[in-house]
Amino acid sequence: MFPSISLVQEIGLAVLLVAALVWVLGLGHMMWDSRFHHPEPGAFEGMPSIPVQRSASAHPMESVELTEAEQQAFAGLIRTFPRP
């Protein structure tokens, strides 16, 4: 086909062109389908609402009592954050 490149390069170029053509056709097909696809008015595929968070008293394993040293260390850490 091309006298200046080898047979392996020609095969690679052909494979690349076929892959690009398949990609363009697939993209066009996806865009064409999304253009005419309109979901039904009541077909929402998500959660109906955000679930309510449980309080810390809901389960004893969800709260941790800190020692006085841990509380002071946490307070010192919070003070190191820059104020906005």
N, C-alpha and C. Protein backbone atom coordinates (compact mmCIF):
# COMPACT_ATOMS: atom_id res chain seq x y z
N MET A 1 0.83 -1.18 0.00
CA MET A 1 0.00 0.00 0.00
C MET A 1 0.89 1.26 0.00
N PHE A 2 1.64 1.47 1.07
CA PHE A 2 2.58 2.59 1.12
C PHE A 2 3.99 2.03 0.95
N PRO A 3 4.76 2.52 0.01
CA PRO A 3 6.09 1.96 -0.20
C PRO A 3 7.10 2.34 0.89
N SER A 4 6.81 3.42 1.66
CA SER A 4 7.81 3.88 2.62
C SER A 4 7.66 3.26 4.01
N ILE A 5 6.60 2.48 4.28
CA ILE A 5 6.45 1.87 5.59
C ILE A 5 6.37 0.36 5.45
N SER A 6 6.69 -0.34 6.53
CA SER A 6 6.75 -1.80 6.48
C SER A 6 5.34 -2.39 6.56
N LEU A 7 5.27 -3.69 6.32
CA LEU A 7 3.99 -4.41 6.35
C LEU A 7 3.39 -4.37 7.75
N VAL A 8 4.21 -4.50 8.78
CA VAL A 8 3.72 -4.47 10.16
C VAL A 8 3.11 -3.10 10.47
N GLN A 9 3.75 -2.04 9.98
CA GLN A 9 3.20 -0.70 10.21
C GLN A 9 1.89 -0.51 9.45
N GLU A 10 1.79 -1.09 8.26
CA GLU A 10 0.54 -1.00 7.51
C GLU A 10 -0.58 -1.73 8.22
N ILE A 11 -0.28 -2.90 8.79
CA ILE A 11 -1.28 -3.66 9.54
C ILE A 11 -1.70 -2.87 10.78
N GLY A 12 -0.74 -2.28 11.48
CA GLY A 12 -1.05 -1.47 12.66
C GLY A 12 -1.92 -0.28 12.30
N LEU A 13 -1.63 0.36 11.18
CA LEU A 13 -2.42 1.51 10.74
C LEU A 13 -3.84 1.07 10.40
N ALA A 14 -3.99 -0.07 9.75
CA ALA A 14 -5.32 -0.58 9.41
C ALA A 14 -6.12 -0.91 10.67
N VAL A 15 -5.47 -1.54 11.65
CA VAL A 15 -6.15 -1.86 12.90
C VAL A 15 -6.56 -0.58 13.62
N LEU A 16 -5.69 0.41 13.62
CA LEU A 16 -6.01 1.69 14.26
C LEU A 16 -7.18 2.37 13.57
N LEU A 17 -7.20 2.35 12.27
CA LEU A 17 -8.30 2.98 11.54
C LEU A 17 -9.62 2.24 11.78
N VAL A 18 -9.59 0.92 11.82
CA VAL A 18 -10.81 0.15 12.11
C VAL A 18 -11.29 0.44 13.53
N ALA A 19 -10.39 0.51 14.48
CA ALA A 19 -10.78 0.81 15.86
C ALA A 19 -11.38 2.20 15.96
N ALA A 20 -10.80 3.18 15.26
CA ALA A 20 -11.34 4.53 15.27
C ALA A 20 -12.72 4.56 14.63
N LEU A 21 -12.91 3.83 13.56
CA LEU A 21 -14.21 3.79 12.89
C LEU A 21 -15.26 3.15 13.80
N VAL A 22 -14.91 2.06 14.46
CA VAL A 22 -15.84 1.41 15.39
C VAL A 22 -16.19 2.35 16.54
N TRP A 23 -15.22 3.08 17.04
CA TRP A 23 -15.46 4.02 18.14
C TRP A 23 -16.41 5.13 17.69
N VAL A 24 -16.17 5.70 16.50
CA VAL A 24 -17.02 6.78 16.00
C VAL A 24 -18.44 6.27 15.77
N LEU A 25 -18.58 5.08 15.20
CA LEU A 25 -19.91 4.52 14.98
C LEU A 25 -20.63 4.24 16.31
N GLY A 26 -19.91 3.71 17.28
CA GLY A 26 -20.51 3.46 18.59
C GLY A 26 -20.94 4.74 19.28
N LEU A 27 -20.12 5.77 19.20
CA LEU A 27 -20.46 7.06 19.79
C LEU A 27 -21.69 7.65 19.11
N GLY A 28 -21.72 7.58 17.79
CA GLY A 28 -22.88 8.07 17.06
C GLY A 28 -24.14 7.31 17.41
N HIS A 29 -24.01 6.00 17.59
CA HIS A 29 -25.16 5.19 17.96
C HIS A 29 -25.66 5.56 19.35
N MET A 30 -24.75 5.77 20.29
CA MET A 30 -25.15 6.16 21.64
C MET A 30 -25.84 7.52 21.63
N MET A 31 -25.30 8.46 20.88
CA MET A 31 -25.91 9.79 20.83
C MET A 31 -27.27 9.74 20.14
N TRP A 32 -27.41 8.94 19.11
CA TRP A 32 -28.68 8.82 18.41
C TRP A 32 -29.74 8.21 19.32
N ASP A 33 -29.35 7.18 20.09
CA ASP A 33 -30.30 6.55 21.00
C ASP A 33 -30.71 7.49 22.13
N SER A 34 -29.77 8.26 22.66
CA SER A 34 -30.09 9.15 23.77
C SER A 34 -30.95 10.31 23.30
N ARG A 35 -30.91 10.61 22.03
CA ARG A 35 -31.70 11.71 21.48
C ARG A 35 -33.18 11.39 21.50
N PHE A 36 -33.52 10.14 21.29
CA PHE A 36 -34.92 9.76 21.21
C PHE A 36 -35.42 9.00 22.43
N HIS A 37 -34.58 8.80 23.41
CA HIS A 37 -34.99 8.08 24.61
C HIS A 37 -35.48 9.08 25.64
N HIS A 38 -36.76 9.00 25.94
CA HIS A 38 -37.34 9.86 26.96
C HIS A 38 -37.92 8.97 28.05
N PRO A 39 -37.42 9.09 29.28
CA PRO A 39 -37.94 8.24 30.35
C PRO A 39 -39.39 8.57 30.66
N GLU A 40 -40.09 7.57 31.16
CA GLU A 40 -41.49 7.79 31.52
C GLU A 40 -41.56 8.73 32.72
N PRO A 41 -42.63 9.50 32.83
CA PRO A 41 -42.70 10.52 33.89
C PRO A 41 -42.57 9.99 35.31
N GLY A 42 -42.95 8.77 35.61
CA GLY A 42 -42.86 8.27 36.97
C GLY A 42 -41.73 7.30 37.19
N ALA A 43 -40.78 7.22 36.26
CA ALA A 43 -39.74 6.20 36.32
C ALA A 43 -38.44 6.77 36.87
N PHE A 44 -38.45 7.27 38.09
CA PHE A 44 -37.24 7.78 38.71
C PHE A 44 -36.47 6.62 39.30
N GLU A 45 -35.20 6.46 38.95
CA GLU A 45 -34.41 5.32 39.39
C GLU A 45 -33.47 5.67 40.53
N GLY A 46 -33.93 6.40 41.49
CA GLY A 46 -33.08 6.77 42.60
C GLY A 46 -33.80 6.55 43.92
N MET A 47 -33.19 7.01 44.96
CA MET A 47 -33.81 6.88 46.27
C MET A 47 -34.91 7.94 46.38
N PRO A 48 -36.03 7.61 46.98
CA PRO A 48 -37.10 8.59 47.07
C PRO A 48 -36.74 9.78 47.95
N SER A 49 -35.91 9.58 48.94
CA SER A 49 -35.46 10.67 49.80
C SER A 49 -34.17 10.26 50.48
N ILE A 50 -33.52 11.22 51.05
CA ILE A 50 -32.30 10.92 51.79
C ILE A 50 -32.69 10.30 53.13
N PRO A 51 -32.11 9.17 53.49
CA PRO A 51 -32.51 8.53 54.75
C PRO A 51 -32.11 9.38 55.95
N VAL A 52 -32.89 9.26 56.99
CA VAL A 52 -32.65 10.02 58.21
C VAL A 52 -31.43 9.43 58.93
N GLN A 53 -30.55 10.31 59.42
CA GLN A 53 -29.40 9.83 60.16
C GLN A 53 -29.84 9.40 61.55
N ARG A 54 -29.21 8.35 62.03
CA ARG A 54 -29.51 7.90 63.37
C ARG A 54 -28.78 8.78 64.38
N SER A 55 -29.36 8.93 65.52
CA SER A 55 -28.69 9.71 66.56
C SER A 55 -27.62 8.84 67.22
N ALA A 56 -26.73 9.48 67.95
CA ALA A 56 -25.65 8.75 68.60
C ALA A 56 -26.18 7.82 69.68
N SER A 57 -27.36 8.12 70.20
CA SER A 57 -27.91 7.28 71.25
C SER A 57 -28.67 6.07 70.69
N ALA A 58 -28.69 5.91 69.36
CA ALA A 58 -29.42 4.80 68.76
C ALA A 58 -28.76 3.47 69.06
N HIS A 59 -27.45 3.47 69.13
CA HIS A 59 -26.73 2.22 69.37
C HIS A 59 -25.50 2.55 70.20
N PRO A 60 -25.21 1.78 71.23
CA PRO A 60 -24.07 2.11 72.10
C PRO A 60 -22.71 2.02 71.39
N MET A 61 -22.62 1.27 70.29
CA MET A 61 -21.34 1.14 69.59
C MET A 61 -21.04 2.36 68.70
N GLU A 62 -21.99 3.29 68.56
CA GLU A 62 -21.80 4.44 67.69
C GLU A 62 -21.28 5.66 68.42
N SER A 63 -20.99 5.55 69.68
CA SER A 63 -20.43 6.68 70.42
C SER A 63 -19.21 6.20 71.20
N VAL A 64 -18.26 7.11 71.36
CA VAL A 64 -17.02 6.78 72.05
C VAL A 64 -16.78 7.83 73.11
N GLU A 65 -16.50 7.40 74.30
CA GLU A 65 -16.17 8.32 75.38
C GLU A 65 -14.66 8.60 75.34
N LEU A 66 -14.29 9.87 75.33
CA LEU A 66 -12.89 10.25 75.29
C LEU A 66 -12.38 10.52 76.70
N THR A 67 -11.12 10.20 76.92
CA THR A 67 -10.50 10.53 78.20
C THR A 67 -10.18 12.02 78.19
N GLU A 68 -9.83 12.55 79.33
CA GLU A 68 -9.49 13.97 79.43
C GLU A 68 -8.29 14.31 78.55
N ALA A 69 -7.29 13.43 78.49
CA ALA A 69 -6.11 13.67 77.64
C ALA A 69 -6.49 13.67 76.17
N GLU A 70 -7.39 12.78 75.78
CA GLU A 70 -7.83 12.73 74.38
C GLU A 70 -8.64 13.97 74.03
N GLN A 71 -9.47 14.45 74.95
CA GLN A 71 -10.24 15.67 74.70
C GLN A 71 -9.31 16.86 74.54
N GLN A 72 -8.27 16.96 75.37
CA GLN A 72 -7.32 18.07 75.26
C GLN A 72 -6.53 17.98 73.97
N ALA A 73 -6.14 16.77 73.58
CA ALA A 73 -5.40 16.59 72.33
C ALA A 73 -6.28 16.99 71.14
N PHE A 74 -7.54 16.62 71.17
CA PHE A 74 -8.45 16.98 70.08
C PHE A 74 -8.66 18.49 70.04
N ALA A 75 -8.83 19.11 71.20
CA ALA A 75 -8.99 20.56 71.24
C ALA A 75 -7.75 21.26 70.70
N GLY A 76 -6.56 20.74 71.03
CA GLY A 76 -5.32 21.32 70.50
C GLY A 76 -5.23 21.15 68.98
N LEU A 77 -5.69 20.03 68.48
CA LEU A 77 -5.69 19.80 67.04
C LEU A 77 -6.62 20.77 66.34
N ILE A 78 -7.79 20.98 66.89
CA ILE A 78 -8.77 21.90 66.29
C ILE A 78 -8.20 23.32 66.29
N ARG A 79 -7.47 23.71 67.33
CA ARG A 79 -6.90 25.06 67.36
C ARG A 79 -5.83 25.28 66.30
N THR A 80 -5.23 24.19 65.81
CA THR A 80 -4.20 24.35 64.78
C THR A 80 -4.78 24.64 63.39
N PHE A 81 -6.08 24.38 63.20
CA PHE A 81 -6.70 24.65 61.90
C PHE A 81 -6.81 26.16 61.69
N PRO A 82 -6.54 26.64 60.48
CA PRO A 82 -6.65 28.08 60.24
C PRO A 82 -8.12 28.51 60.23
N ARG A 83 -8.37 29.67 60.74
CA ARG A 83 -9.74 30.21 60.75
C ARG A 83 -10.01 30.88 59.42
N PRO A 84 -11.24 30.72 58.89
CA PRO A 84 -11.56 31.36 57.59
C PRO A 84 -11.77 32.83 57.70
